[in-house]
Amino acid sequence: MRIRIKKLNAAAILPEYAHGPKEDAGLDVRSLEDTVLAPGIPQAVATGLSLEIPSGYEVQIRPRSGLALKHAITVPNAPATIDPGYRGELRVILLNLGQNPYQIHSGDRIAQMVLAKYEAVEWEEGELSESVRGAGGFGSSGR
């Protein structure tokens, strides 16, 4: 699928598959800026990119597993949704759950991007059918 992308800054780097589209679901997203993530404070990190996502699709932004495991860096609203109507700069919200500041350099891989199809919803009010679970909530399926 072809998706239109715009560099808002000449130094921006297009998202790319580390091992190619047959091996990876997510494309690596890179920072456009040098910044320090202080522990416990969410920060929106610039990418210098803007997308034109087709109707019926969203782009999901997810944490990178290596950053999460080695440095406790995550995307607090994961998966973050970039809607098809948004044309502003893609900024990735990162959160340092570790105890020490974490340095991000321009060009660092900071997140993954996954294109996902979605269906628009139309509500149909009325009675619901029965199910085995019924209204059972958290922990209702046992251990």
N, C-alpha and C. Protein backbone atom coordinates (compact mmCIF):
# COMPACT_ATOMS: atom_id res chain seq x y z
N MET A 1 0.85 -1.17 0.00
CA MET A 1 0.00 0.00 0.00
C MET A 1 0.89 1.24 0.00
N ARG A 2 0.52 2.20 -0.78
CA ARG A 2 1.27 3.45 -0.86
C ARG A 2 0.59 4.49 0.03
N ILE A 3 1.40 5.15 0.84
CA ILE A 3 0.89 6.20 1.72
C ILE A 3 1.74 7.45 1.51
N ARG A 4 1.06 8.57 1.32
CA ARG A 4 1.77 9.83 1.11
C ARG A 4 2.35 10.30 2.44
N ILE A 5 3.62 10.71 2.40
CA ILE A 5 4.32 11.20 3.58
C ILE A 5 5.06 12.47 3.21
N LYS A 6 5.13 13.40 4.14
CA LYS A 6 5.80 14.67 3.88
C LYS A 6 6.86 14.91 4.95
N LYS A 7 8.06 15.25 4.49
CA LYS A 7 9.10 15.68 5.42
C LYS A 7 8.87 17.16 5.72
N LEU A 8 8.67 17.45 6.99
CA LEU A 8 8.50 18.84 7.41
C LEU A 8 9.84 19.50 7.68
N ASN A 9 10.88 18.67 7.71
CA ASN A 9 12.24 19.11 7.96
C ASN A 9 13.14 18.21 7.11
N ALA A 10 14.11 18.79 6.44
CA ALA A 10 14.99 18.02 5.55
C ALA A 10 15.74 16.92 6.30
N ALA A 11 15.95 17.08 7.60
CA ALA A 11 16.69 16.08 8.37
C ALA A 11 15.83 14.90 8.82
N ALA A 12 14.51 14.98 8.61
CA ALA A 12 13.62 13.90 9.01
C ALA A 12 13.96 12.63 8.23
N ILE A 13 13.76 11.49 8.87
CA ILE A 13 14.05 10.19 8.27
C ILE A 13 12.75 9.42 8.12
N LEU A 14 12.49 8.92 6.91
CA LEU A 14 11.26 8.17 6.68
C LEU A 14 11.26 6.89 7.51
N PRO A 15 10.08 6.48 8.01
CA PRO A 15 9.99 5.21 8.73
C PRO A 15 10.42 4.06 7.81
N GLU A 16 11.06 3.06 8.41
CA GLU A 16 11.54 1.94 7.59
C GLU A 16 11.46 0.63 8.36
N TYR A 17 11.32 -0.45 7.60
CA TYR A 17 11.34 -1.79 8.17
C TYR A 17 12.79 -2.19 8.42
N ALA A 18 13.10 -2.67 9.60
CA ALA A 18 14.47 -3.10 9.91
C ALA A 18 14.86 -4.33 9.09
N HIS A 19 13.91 -5.24 8.88
CA HIS A 19 14.20 -6.49 8.17
C HIS A 19 13.32 -6.68 6.94
N GLY A 20 12.63 -5.63 6.52
CA GLY A 20 11.78 -5.71 5.34
C GLY A 20 10.34 -6.02 5.70
N PRO A 21 9.41 -5.72 4.79
CA PRO A 21 7.98 -5.87 5.07
C PRO A 21 7.51 -7.32 5.19
N LYS A 22 8.29 -8.28 4.72
CA LYS A 22 7.91 -9.69 4.88
C LYS A 22 8.29 -10.22 6.25
N GLU A 23 9.20 -9.53 6.93
CA GLU A 23 9.69 -9.98 8.23
C GLU A 23 9.13 -9.15 9.39
N ASP A 24 8.84 -7.87 9.15
CA ASP A 24 8.42 -6.96 10.22
C ASP A 24 7.03 -6.40 9.95
N ALA A 25 6.23 -6.30 11.02
CA ALA A 25 4.91 -5.64 10.92
C ALA A 25 5.06 -4.13 11.11
N GLY A 26 6.02 -3.74 11.96
CA GLY A 26 6.19 -2.34 12.31
C GLY A 26 7.36 -1.69 11.60
N LEU A 27 7.19 -0.42 11.30
CA LEU A 27 8.28 0.39 10.74
C LEU A 27 8.90 1.20 11.87
N ASP A 28 10.21 1.31 11.87
CA ASP A 28 10.89 2.10 12.89
C ASP A 28 10.69 3.59 12.62
N VAL A 29 10.34 4.31 13.68
CA VAL A 29 10.15 5.77 13.63
C VAL A 29 11.32 6.40 14.37
N ARG A 30 11.90 7.44 13.79
CA ARG A 30 13.09 8.07 14.35
C ARG A 30 12.83 9.48 14.85
N SER A 31 13.58 9.85 15.86
CA SER A 31 13.51 11.19 16.43
C SER A 31 14.15 12.20 15.48
N LEU A 32 13.61 13.40 15.49
CA LEU A 32 14.22 14.50 14.74
C LEU A 32 15.02 15.39 15.67
N GLU A 33 14.92 15.15 16.96
CA GLU A 33 15.54 16.07 17.92
C GLU A 33 16.39 15.35 18.96
N ASP A 34 17.32 16.11 19.52
CA ASP A 34 18.06 15.66 20.69
C ASP A 34 17.25 16.11 21.91
N THR A 35 17.02 15.19 22.82
CA THR A 35 16.28 15.53 24.02
C THR A 35 16.60 14.53 25.12
N VAL A 36 16.26 14.89 26.33
CA VAL A 36 16.45 13.99 27.47
C VAL A 36 15.09 13.69 28.07
N LEU A 37 14.80 12.40 28.23
CA LEU A 37 13.56 11.98 28.88
C LEU A 37 13.82 11.84 30.37
N ALA A 38 13.26 12.76 31.14
CA ALA A 38 13.38 12.68 32.59
C ALA A 38 12.44 11.58 33.09
N PRO A 39 12.81 10.88 34.14
CA PRO A 39 11.93 9.83 34.67
C PRO A 39 10.57 10.39 35.06
N GLY A 40 9.52 9.68 34.63
CA GLY A 40 8.17 9.98 35.06
C GLY A 40 7.47 11.15 34.38
N ILE A 41 8.10 11.78 33.39
CA ILE A 41 7.48 12.94 32.73
C ILE A 41 7.28 12.64 31.24
N PRO A 42 6.03 12.50 30.79
CA PRO A 42 5.78 12.25 29.36
C PRO A 42 6.28 13.41 28.51
N GLN A 43 6.77 13.07 27.33
CA GLN A 43 7.30 14.10 26.43
C GLN A 43 6.95 13.73 24.99
N ALA A 44 6.47 14.69 24.21
CA ALA A 44 6.19 14.48 22.79
C ALA A 44 7.47 14.77 22.01
N VAL A 45 7.97 13.75 21.31
CA VAL A 45 9.22 13.86 20.57
C VAL A 45 8.94 14.02 19.08
N ALA A 46 9.54 15.03 18.49
CA ALA A 46 9.31 15.36 17.08
C ALA A 46 9.92 14.32 16.15
N THR A 47 9.21 14.08 15.02
CA THR A 47 9.75 13.22 13.97
C THR A 47 10.00 13.99 12.68
N GLY A 48 9.38 15.18 12.55
CA GLY A 48 9.54 15.96 11.33
C GLY A 48 8.76 15.40 10.15
N LEU A 49 7.76 14.54 10.42
CA LEU A 49 6.98 13.89 9.37
C LEU A 49 5.50 14.17 9.53
N SER A 50 4.80 14.18 8.41
CA SER A 50 3.35 14.28 8.38
C SER A 50 2.84 13.23 7.39
N LEU A 51 1.68 12.63 7.71
CA LEU A 51 1.16 11.52 6.91
C LEU A 51 -0.19 11.85 6.31
N GLU A 52 -0.51 11.22 5.19
CA GLU A 52 -1.86 11.24 4.62
C GLU A 52 -2.35 9.80 4.60
N ILE A 53 -3.02 9.42 5.67
CA ILE A 53 -3.46 8.04 5.86
C ILE A 53 -4.81 7.86 5.16
N PRO A 54 -4.95 6.80 4.36
CA PRO A 54 -6.22 6.59 3.65
C PRO A 54 -7.39 6.37 4.61
N SER A 55 -8.57 6.79 4.21
CA SER A 55 -9.78 6.56 4.98
C SER A 55 -9.95 5.05 5.20
N GLY A 56 -10.37 4.68 6.41
CA GLY A 56 -10.54 3.27 6.74
C GLY A 56 -9.30 2.65 7.37
N TYR A 57 -8.24 3.48 7.53
CA TYR A 57 -7.00 3.02 8.15
C TYR A 57 -6.58 3.99 9.25
N GLU A 58 -5.78 3.50 10.14
CA GLU A 58 -5.12 4.31 11.17
C GLU A 58 -3.67 3.88 11.21
N VAL A 59 -2.83 4.72 11.75
CA VAL A 59 -1.45 4.32 12.04
C VAL A 59 -1.36 4.21 13.56
N GLN A 60 -0.88 3.06 14.03
CA GLN A 60 -0.69 2.85 15.46
C GLN A 60 0.79 3.05 15.79
N ILE A 61 1.04 3.77 16.88
CA ILE A 61 2.41 3.99 17.35
C ILE A 61 2.59 3.14 18.60
N ARG A 62 3.64 2.33 18.59
CA ARG A 62 3.88 1.36 19.67
C ARG A 62 5.31 1.50 20.19
N PRO A 63 5.53 1.06 21.43
CA PRO A 63 6.89 1.10 21.97
C PRO A 63 7.81 0.15 21.21
N ARG A 64 9.09 0.43 21.26
CA ARG A 64 10.11 -0.50 20.76
C ARG A 64 10.48 -1.42 21.92
N SER A 65 10.49 -2.71 21.67
CA SER A 65 10.73 -3.68 22.75
C SER A 65 12.11 -3.51 23.37
N GLY A 66 13.12 -3.20 22.59
CA GLY A 66 14.46 -3.02 23.14
C GLY A 66 14.54 -1.84 24.09
N LEU A 67 13.92 -0.73 23.73
CA LEU A 67 13.90 0.44 24.62
C LEU A 67 13.12 0.13 25.89
N ALA A 68 12.03 -0.60 25.75
CA ALA A 68 11.21 -0.94 26.93
C ALA A 68 11.98 -1.85 27.89
N LEU A 69 12.62 -2.87 27.35
CA LEU A 69 13.34 -3.83 28.20
C LEU A 69 14.61 -3.25 28.81
N LYS A 70 15.41 -2.59 28.00
CA LYS A 70 16.71 -2.12 28.48
C LYS A 70 16.67 -0.79 29.23
N HIS A 71 15.67 0.07 28.90
CA HIS A 71 15.67 1.42 29.49
C HIS A 71 14.33 1.85 30.07
N ALA A 72 13.32 0.97 30.03
CA ALA A 72 11.98 1.26 30.56
C ALA A 72 11.35 2.47 29.86
N ILE A 73 11.59 2.61 28.55
CA ILE A 73 11.00 3.68 27.76
C ILE A 73 9.78 3.12 27.05
N THR A 74 8.64 3.78 27.21
CA THR A 74 7.40 3.27 26.61
C THR A 74 6.60 4.39 25.98
N VAL A 75 5.55 4.02 25.29
CA VAL A 75 4.57 4.95 24.73
C VAL A 75 3.36 4.83 25.66
N PRO A 76 3.10 5.83 26.51
CA PRO A 76 2.08 5.67 27.55
C PRO A 76 0.66 5.50 27.03
N ASN A 77 0.37 5.96 25.83
CA ASN A 77 -0.96 5.79 25.26
C ASN A 77 -0.98 4.69 24.20
N ALA A 78 -0.10 3.72 24.34
CA ALA A 78 0.06 2.66 23.33
C ALA A 78 -1.14 1.73 23.28
N PRO A 79 -1.55 1.32 22.09
CA PRO A 79 -1.05 1.91 20.85
C PRO A 79 -1.71 3.26 20.59
N ALA A 80 -0.89 4.24 20.32
CA ALA A 80 -1.41 5.57 19.98
C ALA A 80 -2.01 5.50 18.57
N THR A 81 -3.08 6.23 18.35
CA THR A 81 -3.75 6.23 17.05
C THR A 81 -3.50 7.55 16.33
N ILE A 82 -3.06 7.44 15.08
CA ILE A 82 -2.98 8.60 14.19
C ILE A 82 -4.15 8.42 13.23
N ASP A 83 -5.11 9.33 13.30
CA ASP A 83 -6.32 9.24 12.49
C ASP A 83 -6.07 9.67 11.05
N PRO A 84 -6.90 9.16 10.11
CA PRO A 84 -6.70 9.51 8.70
C PRO A 84 -6.88 10.99 8.40
N GLY A 85 -7.62 11.72 9.22
CA GLY A 85 -7.84 13.14 8.97
C GLY A 85 -6.75 14.05 9.50
N TYR A 86 -5.81 13.52 10.29
CA TYR A 86 -4.76 14.35 10.90
C TYR A 86 -3.65 14.60 9.88
N ARG A 87 -3.26 15.85 9.74
CA ARG A 87 -2.19 16.21 8.79
C ARG A 87 -1.03 16.94 9.47
N GLY A 88 -1.05 17.02 10.81
CA GLY A 88 0.03 17.70 11.51
C GLY A 88 1.24 16.79 11.68
N GLU A 89 2.24 17.32 12.37
CA GLU A 89 3.47 16.56 12.59
C GLU A 89 3.21 15.35 13.48
N LEU A 90 3.79 14.24 13.09
CA LEU A 90 3.77 13.04 13.90
C LEU A 90 4.76 13.25 15.05
N ARG A 91 4.23 13.30 16.25
CA ARG A 91 5.06 13.42 17.45
C ARG A 91 4.77 12.19 18.30
N VAL A 92 5.79 11.58 18.82
CA VAL A 92 5.64 10.36 19.60
C VAL A 92 5.73 10.70 21.08
N ILE A 93 4.68 10.36 21.84
CA ILE A 93 4.70 10.58 23.28
C ILE A 93 5.48 9.43 23.92
N LEU A 94 6.56 9.77 24.59
CA LEU A 94 7.40 8.78 25.27
C LEU A 94 7.39 9.04 26.77
N LEU A 95 7.54 7.96 27.52
CA LEU A 95 7.59 8.05 28.98
C LEU A 95 8.73 7.17 29.48
N ASN A 96 9.58 7.75 30.29
CA ASN A 96 10.70 7.05 30.91
C ASN A 96 10.23 6.51 32.25
N LEU A 97 10.04 5.20 32.34
CA LEU A 97 9.61 4.56 33.58
C LEU A 97 10.81 4.15 34.44
N GLY A 98 12.00 4.42 33.95
CA GLY A 98 13.21 4.08 34.69
C GLY A 98 13.52 5.11 35.77
N GLN A 99 14.67 4.95 36.38
CA GLN A 99 15.07 5.85 37.47
C GLN A 99 16.06 6.91 37.03
N ASN A 100 16.64 6.74 35.84
CA ASN A 100 17.65 7.67 35.36
C ASN A 100 17.19 8.38 34.09
N PRO A 101 17.64 9.61 33.86
CA PRO A 101 17.32 10.29 32.60
C PRO A 101 17.82 9.46 31.41
N TYR A 102 17.10 9.56 30.28
CA TYR A 102 17.49 8.82 29.08
C TYR A 102 17.67 9.81 27.94
N GLN A 103 18.84 9.76 27.31
CA GLN A 103 19.20 10.67 26.22
C GLN A 103 18.71 10.11 24.89
N ILE A 104 17.99 10.94 24.15
CA ILE A 104 17.59 10.61 22.78
C ILE A 104 18.35 11.55 21.85
N HIS A 105 18.92 10.99 20.79
CA HIS A 105 19.63 11.77 19.79
C HIS A 105 18.82 11.79 18.50
N SER A 106 18.96 12.85 17.74
CA SER A 106 18.31 12.93 16.44
C SER A 106 18.73 11.72 15.61
N GLY A 107 17.76 11.04 15.03
CA GLY A 107 18.04 9.83 14.24
C GLY A 107 17.83 8.54 15.01
N ASP A 108 17.70 8.61 16.33
CA ASP A 108 17.46 7.40 17.13
C ASP A 108 16.08 6.82 16.81
N ARG A 109 16.00 5.50 16.79
CA ARG A 109 14.72 4.82 16.64
C ARG A 109 13.99 4.92 17.98
N ILE A 110 12.78 5.50 17.97
CA ILE A 110 12.09 5.76 19.23
C ILE A 110 10.77 5.01 19.38
N ALA A 111 10.22 4.49 18.27
CA ALA A 111 8.93 3.80 18.34
C ALA A 111 8.75 2.98 17.07
N GLN A 112 7.64 2.24 17.05
CA GLN A 112 7.26 1.50 15.85
C GLN A 112 5.91 2.02 15.36
N MET A 113 5.73 1.95 14.06
CA MET A 113 4.51 2.40 13.41
C MET A 113 3.89 1.20 12.68
N VAL A 114 2.59 0.96 12.91
CA VAL A 114 1.89 -0.13 12.24
C VAL A 114 0.63 0.43 11.60
N LEU A 115 0.43 0.14 10.32
CA LEU A 115 -0.78 0.53 9.62
C LEU A 115 -1.86 -0.50 9.94
N ALA A 116 -3.04 -0.04 10.34
CA ALA A 116 -4.12 -0.97 10.70
C ALA A 116 -5.43 -0.52 10.07
N LYS A 117 -6.17 -1.49 9.53
CA LYS A 117 -7.49 -1.22 8.96
C LYS A 117 -8.51 -1.19 10.10
N TYR A 118 -9.51 -0.33 9.96
CA TYR A 118 -10.58 -0.31 10.95
C TYR A 118 -11.92 -0.21 10.23
N GLU A 119 -12.95 -0.60 10.92
CA GLU A 119 -14.32 -0.50 10.40
C GLU A 119 -15.04 0.62 11.13
N ALA A 120 -15.76 1.44 10.40
CA ALA A 120 -16.59 2.47 11.02
C ALA A 120 -17.78 1.79 11.69
N VAL A 121 -18.23 2.35 12.80
CA VAL A 121 -19.29 1.76 13.60
C VAL A 121 -20.59 2.54 13.44
N GLU A 122 -21.68 1.83 13.31
CA GLU A 122 -23.02 2.40 13.40
C GLU A 122 -23.70 1.67 14.54
N TRP A 123 -24.20 2.41 15.52
CA TRP A 123 -24.84 1.80 16.69
C TRP A 123 -26.24 1.35 16.35
N GLU A 124 -26.61 0.20 16.85
CA GLU A 124 -27.95 -0.35 16.72
C GLU A 124 -28.45 -0.65 18.13
N GLU A 125 -29.28 0.24 18.66
CA GLU A 125 -29.77 0.05 20.02
C GLU A 125 -30.78 -1.07 20.09
N GLY A 126 -30.75 -1.79 21.22
CA GLY A 126 -31.72 -2.85 21.44
C GLY A 126 -31.20 -3.84 22.46
N GLU A 127 -31.96 -4.91 22.66
CA GLU A 127 -31.57 -5.96 23.61
C GLU A 127 -30.39 -6.74 23.05
N LEU A 128 -29.54 -7.25 23.95
CA LEU A 128 -28.37 -8.03 23.55
C LEU A 128 -28.67 -9.52 23.66
N SER A 129 -28.02 -10.32 22.84
CA SER A 129 -28.20 -11.77 22.92
C SER A 129 -27.49 -12.31 24.16
N GLU A 130 -27.87 -13.50 24.58
CA GLU A 130 -27.25 -14.15 25.74
C GLU A 130 -25.88 -14.69 25.34
N SER A 131 -24.99 -14.81 26.34
CA SER A 131 -23.69 -15.44 26.12
C SER A 131 -23.34 -16.26 27.36
N VAL A 132 -22.36 -17.13 27.25
CA VAL A 132 -21.94 -17.94 28.38
C VAL A 132 -21.42 -17.05 29.50
N ARG A 133 -20.63 -16.08 29.18
CA ARG A 133 -20.04 -15.18 30.18
C ARG A 133 -21.07 -14.23 30.78
N GLY A 134 -21.98 -13.76 29.96
CA GLY A 134 -22.98 -12.81 30.44
C GLY A 134 -22.33 -11.51 30.88
N ALA A 135 -22.71 -11.03 32.06
CA ALA A 135 -22.21 -9.77 32.57
C ALA A 135 -20.98 -9.95 33.46
N GLY A 136 -20.39 -11.14 33.48
CA GLY A 136 -19.21 -11.40 34.32
C GLY A 136 -18.07 -10.49 33.92
N GLY A 137 -17.46 -9.85 34.90
CA GLY A 137 -16.41 -8.87 34.63
C GLY A 137 -15.02 -9.40 34.93
N PHE A 138 -14.19 -8.52 35.46
CA PHE A 138 -12.79 -8.84 35.74
C PHE A 138 -12.70 -10.08 36.63
N GLY A 139 -11.89 -11.03 36.21
CA GLY A 139 -11.66 -12.24 37.02
C GLY A 139 -12.77 -13.27 36.94
N SER A 140 -13.77 -13.04 36.08
CA SER A 140 -14.92 -13.95 36.04
C SER A 140 -14.62 -15.29 35.39
N SER A 141 -13.48 -15.38 34.68
CA SER A 141 -13.16 -16.65 34.02
C SER A 141 -12.31 -17.56 34.90
N GLY A 142 -12.06 -17.18 36.14
CA GLY A 142 -11.29 -18.01 37.07
C GLY A 142 -9.81 -17.79 36.94
N ARG A 143 -9.07 -18.77 37.45
CA ARG A 143 -7.61 -18.65 37.44
C ARG A 143 -6.96 -19.48 36.40
